[in-house]
């Protein structure tokens, strides 16, 4: 196996010159650089990962904090993780996955210089982890939007706009009594960013359009879905449109509506807010606002690497929601 000394001899330079070519820490003439790079290719030299890290002051590792709480949909979380891991590979970076939600984990990987940047999911409106991230030397990107990003980069679906789009779609079909079956109570009580923004967009658009609307929290389980549907029907017996923002409960919501004599979409139109594969994977494909988890994960990595390279100041990117009509919505029933 070729060594840095072999490369130096073949190129007729010192080992320090080879190191400077690899790290870019000092300017090297074009002719010398070309000789060194040609020798590296000819000899098949691959710098040791630890040596590369020392030379470039990089670890080639990104940290991703994706808390696996009992009230989160692990399948959807893993779509975000897949987007992050896939895009990180293109930047020659590995991903260190942190599944706890405590700030100590962030401090440990940050203070220990284990990673080049951090990406954090499941962001709350007033998230206690944000000040910790601000205090670290590594750049950080939030998948979510806290009340005060404090100079950190953020990326997410524009959930407030998603709520508005869902209401507007039902209103255009003539629905005047609608409900939101949303996140679990614990998620709402934590003021998780996406849930707060979805609720705000839904209620504000319904008010603006003069539509009667109610909001019903829903536990992420079959039992929770049944209880939520029954509560909606008790509170608003003549509801004709329902927005569901709870991927785990979604199948049971559809089943329970049918069991209660509500045909979809003839009696009750349903709009889901979920990843596309969840919407089209139901027995009848659902009208849905897509949560582009893979795309959000990829953008988070790109933003993190831009900060690592000092090419991009902190910014917030909210992806515009896209609603795709399918078989679960129709004109509101008359009479």
Protein backbone atom coordinates (compact mmCIF):
# COMPACT_ATOMS: atom_id res chain seq x y z
CA UNK A 1 0.00 0.00 0.00
CA UNK A 2 1.43 3.37 -1.02
CA UNK A 3 2.43 5.88 1.67
CA UNK A 4 2.77 9.65 1.68
CA UNK A 5 6.56 9.15 1.43
CA UNK A 6 6.07 7.13 -1.77
CA UNK A 7 3.99 9.94 -3.25
CA UNK A 8 6.61 12.53 -2.27
CA UNK A 9 9.44 10.55 -3.89
CA UNK A 10 7.45 9.93 -7.09
CA UNK A 11 6.57 13.62 -7.39
CA UNK A 12 10.02 14.84 -6.39
CA UNK A 13 8.76 16.92 -3.48
CA UNK A 14 8.81 16.81 0.32
CA UNK A 15 6.18 14.99 2.36
CA UNK A 16 5.06 18.35 3.77
CA UNK A 17 4.31 19.56 0.24
CA UNK A 18 2.14 16.48 -0.35
CA UNK A 19 0.35 17.23 2.93
CA UNK A 20 -0.25 20.85 1.87
CA UNK A 21 -1.70 19.69 -1.46
CA UNK A 22 -4.08 17.36 0.38
CA UNK A 23 -5.13 19.86 3.04
CA UNK A 24 -5.06 23.07 1.00
CA UNK A 25 -3.56 24.89 3.98
CA UNK A 26 -0.81 26.57 1.94
CA UNK A 27 -0.69 27.75 -1.68
CA UNK A 28 1.16 25.34 -3.97
CA UNK A 29 2.14 26.13 -7.56
CA UNK A 30 -0.09 24.62 -10.23
CA UNK A 31 2.76 22.57 -11.73
CA UNK A 32 3.73 21.07 -8.37
CA UNK A 33 0.13 20.36 -7.47
CA UNK A 34 -0.38 18.55 -10.77
CA UNK A 35 2.73 16.39 -10.20
CA UNK A 36 1.56 15.45 -6.71
CA UNK A 37 -1.99 14.70 -7.82
CA UNK A 38 -0.68 12.59 -10.72
CA UNK A 39 1.52 10.59 -8.33
CA UNK A 40 -1.43 10.08 -5.98
CA UNK A 41 -3.51 8.69 -8.85
CA UNK A 42 -0.72 6.53 -10.26
CA UNK A 43 0.14 5.00 -6.87
CA UNK A 44 -3.47 4.69 -5.73
CA UNK A 45 -2.60 6.53 -2.52
CA UNK A 46 -5.44 7.01 0.00
CA UNK A 47 -4.74 9.19 3.04
CA UNK A 48 -5.60 7.66 6.40
CA UNK A 49 -8.95 8.96 7.63
CA UNK A 50 -7.43 10.19 10.89
CA UNK A 51 -4.63 11.96 9.06
CA UNK A 52 -7.11 13.61 6.72
CA UNK A 53 -9.12 14.83 9.68
CA UNK A 54 -6.07 16.29 11.38
CA UNK A 55 -4.84 17.93 8.19
CA UNK A 56 -8.17 19.50 7.31
CA UNK A 57 -9.51 20.00 10.84
CA UNK A 58 -12.56 18.00 9.73
CA UNK A 59 -14.12 14.80 11.02
CA UNK A 60 -16.24 14.04 7.96
CA UNK A 61 -19.11 13.27 10.31
CA UNK A 62 -22.47 15.03 10.75
CA UNK A 63 -24.58 14.58 13.89
CA UNK A 64 -28.33 14.10 13.45
CA UNK A 65 -30.52 14.39 16.55
CA UNK A 66 -33.76 12.51 15.78
CA UNK A 67 -35.49 11.82 19.11
CA UNK A 68 -37.40 8.53 19.06
CA UNK A 69 -40.20 9.44 21.45
CA UNK A 70 -43.22 7.20 21.98
CA UNK A 71 -45.50 9.72 20.26
CA UNK A 72 -43.52 10.03 17.00
CA UNK A 73 -43.98 8.05 13.81
CA UNK A 74 -40.69 6.20 13.47
CA UNK A 75 -41.40 5.34 9.82
CA UNK A 76 -41.71 9.01 8.90
CA UNK A 77 -38.69 9.95 11.04
CA UNK A 78 -36.64 7.38 9.14
CA UNK A 79 -37.58 9.03 5.84
CA UNK A 80 -35.92 12.22 7.10
CA UNK A 81 -32.94 10.17 8.30
CA UNK A 82 -32.64 8.49 4.91
CA UNK A 83 -32.61 11.87 3.17
CA UNK A 84 -29.86 13.10 5.50
CA UNK A 85 -27.71 9.97 5.20
CA UNK A 86 -28.03 9.77 1.40
CA UNK A 87 -27.07 13.40 0.87
CA UNK A 88 -24.26 13.27 3.44
CA UNK A 89 -22.70 10.41 1.48
CA UNK A 90 -22.41 12.72 -1.54
CA UNK A 91 -20.30 15.06 0.63
CA UNK A 92 -18.15 12.14 1.83
CA UNK A 93 -19.64 12.42 5.33
CA UNK A 94 -20.98 9.81 7.71
CA UNK A 95 -23.89 10.47 10.06
CA UNK A 96 -23.87 10.03 13.84
CA UNK A 97 -27.49 9.42 14.93
CA UNK A 98 -28.55 10.73 18.35
CA UNK A 99 -31.95 9.37 19.42
CA UNK A 100 -32.30 11.13 22.78
CA UNK A 101 -33.65 14.66 23.12
CA UNK A 102 -31.38 15.92 25.90
CA UNK A 103 -29.00 18.82 25.44
CA UNK A 104 -26.19 16.83 27.06
CA UNK A 105 -25.88 14.73 23.91
CA UNK A 106 -25.40 17.84 21.81
CA UNK A 107 -22.76 19.20 24.17
CA UNK A 108 -20.93 15.89 24.23
CA UNK A 109 -20.52 15.60 20.46
CA UNK A 110 -19.91 19.32 20.03
CA UNK A 111 -17.39 19.85 22.80
CA UNK A 112 -15.61 16.63 21.87
CA UNK A 113 -15.07 17.81 18.28
CA UNK A 114 -16.67 14.61 17.04
CA UNK A 115 -18.61 16.21 14.17
CA UNK A 116 -18.36 18.97 11.59
CA UNK A 117 -21.98 20.12 11.97
CA UNK A 118 -25.21 19.20 13.71
CA UNK A 119 -28.75 18.72 12.38
CA UNK A 120 -31.64 18.63 14.87
CA UNK A 121 -35.21 17.40 14.35
CA UNK A 122 -38.44 17.57 16.38
CA UNK A 123 -37.95 21.23 17.18
CA UNK A 124 -40.21 22.94 19.72
CA UNK A 125 -41.37 26.55 19.58
CA UNK A 126 -39.24 27.46 22.62
CA UNK A 127 -36.73 24.65 22.38
CA UNK A 128 -34.24 24.47 25.28
CA UNK A 129 -31.67 22.84 22.97
CA UNK A 130 -31.38 25.92 20.73
CA UNK A 131 -29.17 27.94 23.15
CA UNK A 132 -26.90 24.89 23.45
CA UNK A 133 -26.51 24.71 19.68
CA UNK A 134 -25.81 28.43 19.49
CA UNK A 135 -22.99 27.99 21.99
CA UNK A 136 -21.22 25.25 20.02
CA UNK A 137 -18.42 26.06 17.59
CA UNK A 138 -19.91 23.80 14.89
CA UNK A 139 -22.71 25.13 12.67
CA UNK A 140 -26.19 23.72 13.23
CA UNK A 141 -29.30 23.29 11.10
CA UNK A 142 -32.79 22.80 12.49
CA UNK A 143 -35.42 20.68 10.74
CA UNK A 144 -38.23 22.77 12.14
CA UNK A 145 -38.83 26.41 13.01
CA UNK A 146 -38.61 27.64 16.61
CA UNK A 147 -40.04 30.97 17.70
CA UNK A 148 -36.50 32.39 17.76
CA UNK A 149 -33.96 30.57 15.55
CA UNK A 150 -31.21 32.61 17.25
CA UNK A 151 -29.06 32.76 14.12
CA UNK A 152 -29.33 29.05 13.27
CA UNK A 153 -30.32 27.79 9.83
CA UNK A 154 -33.77 26.18 9.57
CA UNK A 155 -35.53 24.06 6.95
CA UNK A 156 -38.96 22.45 6.96
CA UNK A 157 -42.25 22.15 5.13
CA UNK A 158 -44.27 25.33 5.52
CA UNK A 159 -46.83 23.65 7.79
CA UNK A 160 -48.77 26.86 8.34
CA UNK A 161 -49.28 27.13 4.59
CA UNK A 162 -50.11 23.41 4.49
CA UNK A 163 -52.98 23.96 6.92
CA UNK A 164 -54.25 26.84 4.80
CA UNK A 165 -54.00 24.85 1.57
CA UNK A 166 -55.96 21.92 3.04
CA UNK A 167 -58.76 24.19 4.27
CA UNK A 168 -58.88 26.07 0.98
CA UNK A 169 -59.19 22.83 -1.01
CA UNK A 170 -62.20 21.74 1.06
CA UNK A 171 -63.74 25.20 0.86
CA UNK A 172 -63.48 25.19 -2.94
CA UNK A 173 -65.44 21.95 -2.93
CA UNK A 174 -68.21 23.61 -0.92
CA UNK A 175 -67.46 22.24 2.54
CA UNK A 176 -68.54 24.58 5.34
CA UNK A 177 -68.08 22.34 8.40
CA UNK A 178 -64.61 20.86 8.76
CA UNK A 179 -62.38 19.33 11.42
CA UNK A 180 -58.67 18.79 11.98
CA UNK A 181 -57.67 15.46 13.52
CA UNK A 182 -54.15 16.36 14.52
CA UNK A 183 -51.14 15.46 16.60
CA UNK A 184 -51.20 13.73 20.00
CA UNK A 185 -51.87 15.89 23.04
CA UNK A 186 -48.27 15.52 24.26
CA UNK A 187 -46.93 16.90 20.94
CA UNK A 188 -49.28 19.88 21.18
CA UNK A 189 -48.44 20.45 24.85
CA UNK A 190 -44.73 20.54 23.97
CA UNK A 191 -45.57 23.12 21.29
CA UNK A 192 -43.67 21.10 18.72
CA UNK A 193 -43.06 23.50 15.88
CA UNK A 194 -44.74 21.64 13.00
CA UNK A 195 -47.89 20.89 15.03
CA UNK A 196 -48.27 24.49 16.22
CA UNK A 197 -47.83 25.85 12.70
CA UNK A 198 -50.27 23.35 11.18
CA UNK A 199 -52.90 24.24 13.78
CA UNK A 200 -52.37 27.96 13.22
CA UNK A 201 -52.72 27.74 9.44
CA UNK A 202 -55.85 25.57 9.68
CA UNK A 203 -57.68 27.78 12.15
CA UNK A 204 -56.69 31.08 10.56
CA UNK A 205 -57.77 30.03 7.07
CA UNK A 206 -61.06 28.61 8.32
CA UNK A 207 -61.78 31.86 10.15
CA UNK A 208 -60.86 33.95 7.10
CA UNK A 209 -63.23 31.91 4.88
CA UNK A 210 -66.08 31.89 7.41
CA UNK A 211 -66.00 28.10 7.79
CA UNK A 212 -67.04 26.33 10.99
CA UNK A 213 -63.99 24.39 12.17
CA UNK A 214 -62.93 22.32 15.16
CA UNK A 215 -59.60 20.81 16.19
CA UNK A 216 -59.29 17.38 17.77
CA UNK A 217 -55.99 16.03 19.16
CA UNK A 218 -55.44 12.36 18.38
CA UNK A 219 -53.17 9.79 19.99
CA UNK A 220 -51.02 7.87 17.52
CA UNK A 221 -52.83 4.54 17.85
CA UNK A 222 -55.90 2.67 16.63
CA UNK A 223 -57.73 3.43 19.87
CA UNK A 224 -56.73 7.07 19.68
CA UNK A 225 -58.09 7.31 16.13
CA UNK A 226 -61.43 5.78 17.10
CA UNK A 227 -61.78 8.15 20.05
CA UNK A 228 -60.85 11.16 17.92
CA UNK A 229 -63.38 10.35 15.18
CA UNK A 230 -66.14 9.75 17.72
CA UNK A 231 -65.31 13.04 19.45
CA UNK A 232 -65.42 14.92 16.13
CA UNK A 233 -68.80 13.41 15.24
CA UNK A 234 -70.15 14.27 18.69
CA UNK A 235 -68.91 17.85 18.54
CA UNK A 236 -69.84 18.45 14.89
CA UNK A 237 -72.41 15.84 13.74
CA UNK A 238 -72.74 17.37 10.28
CA UNK A 239 -69.03 17.62 9.52
CA UNK A 240 -68.33 17.04 5.80
CA UNK A 241 -64.58 17.59 5.57
CA UNK A 242 -61.75 16.28 7.74
CA UNK A 243 -58.03 17.08 7.60
CA UNK A 244 -55.85 14.37 9.17
CA UNK A 245 -52.33 15.27 10.30
CA UNK A 246 -51.39 12.06 12.10
CA UNK A 247 -49.82 9.36 9.92
CA UNK A 248 -50.05 6.57 12.50
CA UNK A 249 -53.74 7.13 13.21
CA UNK A 250 -54.69 7.79 9.58
CA UNK A 251 -55.72 4.23 8.53
CA UNK A 252 -57.86 3.79 11.64
CA UNK A 253 -59.48 7.21 11.09
CA UNK A 254 -60.59 6.09 7.62
CA UNK A 255 -61.86 2.74 8.92
CA UNK A 256 -63.75 4.32 11.81
CA UNK A 257 -65.47 6.86 9.55
CA UNK A 258 -66.75 4.02 7.38
CA UNK A 259 -67.83 2.02 10.42
CA UNK A 260 -69.83 5.05 11.59
CA UNK A 261 -71.67 5.10 8.27
CA UNK A 262 -69.62 7.91 6.70
CA UNK A 263 -68.74 7.05 3.11
CA UNK A 264 -65.52 8.61 1.75
CA UNK A 265 -65.77 10.96 -0.13
CA UNK A 266 -69.55 10.92 -0.70
CA UNK A 267 -70.41 11.83 2.92
CA UNK A 268 -67.06 13.00 4.25
CA UNK A 269 -64.04 14.24 2.31
CA UNK A 270 -60.63 13.55 3.80
CA UNK A 271 -57.39 15.45 3.22
CA UNK A 272 -54.24 13.92 4.69
CA UNK A 273 -51.02 15.75 5.52
CA UNK A 274 -48.40 13.02 5.21
CA UNK A 275 -45.60 11.65 3.00
CA UNK A 276 -46.74 10.67 -0.47
CA UNK A 277 -46.17 6.94 0.06
CA UNK A 278 -48.55 6.99 3.04
CA UNK A 279 -51.27 8.75 1.03
CA UNK A 280 -51.12 6.44 -2.00
CA UNK A 281 -50.64 3.33 0.15
CA UNK A 282 -54.20 3.42 1.52
CA UNK A 283 -56.91 1.17 -0.04
CA UNK A 284 -58.14 4.28 -1.89
CA UNK A 285 -55.40 6.89 -2.59
CA UNK A 286 -55.93 9.99 -0.51
CA UNK A 287 -55.98 13.63 -1.43
CA UNK A 288 -52.94 14.85 0.47
CA UNK A 289 -50.48 17.60 1.20
CA UNK A 290 -47.12 15.89 0.80
CA UNK A 291 -44.52 16.00 3.58
CA UNK A 292 -41.34 15.73 1.47
CA UNK A 293 -39.21 14.14 4.19
CA UNK A 294 -36.40 12.97 1.90
CA UNK A 295 -36.09 16.40 0.28
CA UNK A 296 -36.05 18.19 3.63
CA UNK A 297 -33.31 15.88 4.88
CA UNK A 298 -31.23 16.51 1.76
CA UNK A 299 -31.62 20.27 2.01
CA UNK A 300 -30.62 20.18 5.69
CA UNK A 301 -27.33 18.51 4.77
CA UNK A 302 -26.67 20.99 1.97
CA UNK A 303 -27.29 23.90 4.32
CA UNK A 304 -25.02 22.35 6.96
CA UNK A 305 -22.18 21.79 4.50
CA UNK A 306 -22.53 25.33 3.17
CA UNK A 307 -22.08 26.61 6.73
CA UNK A 308 -19.08 24.32 7.24
CA UNK A 309 -17.49 25.79 4.11
CA UNK A 310 -18.39 29.33 5.22
CA UNK A 311 -20.28 29.76 1.98
CA UNK A 312 -23.71 30.56 3.41
CA UNK A 313 -25.00 32.70 6.29
CA UNK A 314 -27.78 31.39 8.51
CA UNK A 315 -31.11 31.21 6.67
CA UNK A 316 -34.59 29.74 6.87
CA UNK A 317 -36.07 27.71 4.02
CA UNK A 318 -39.72 26.68 4.20
CA UNK A 319 -40.75 24.37 1.35
CA UNK A 320 -44.07 25.33 -0.25
CA UNK A 321 -46.80 22.72 0.30
CA UNK A 322 -48.17 20.78 -2.66
CA UNK A 323 -51.68 19.31 -2.46
CA UNK A 324 -52.48 16.45 -4.84
CA UNK A 325 -56.22 15.68 -5.31
CA UNK A 326 -57.00 11.96 -5.38
CA UNK A 327 -60.00 9.80 -4.48
CA UNK A 328 -60.80 10.97 -0.95
CA UNK A 329 -62.28 14.42 -1.65
CA UNK A 330 -65.37 15.47 -3.56
CA UNK A 331 -68.02 18.16 -3.67
CA UNK A 332 -69.70 18.67 -0.32
CA UNK A 333 -73.01 16.76 0.00
CA UNK A 334 -76.13 18.88 -0.34
CA UNK A 335 -79.03 18.96 2.08
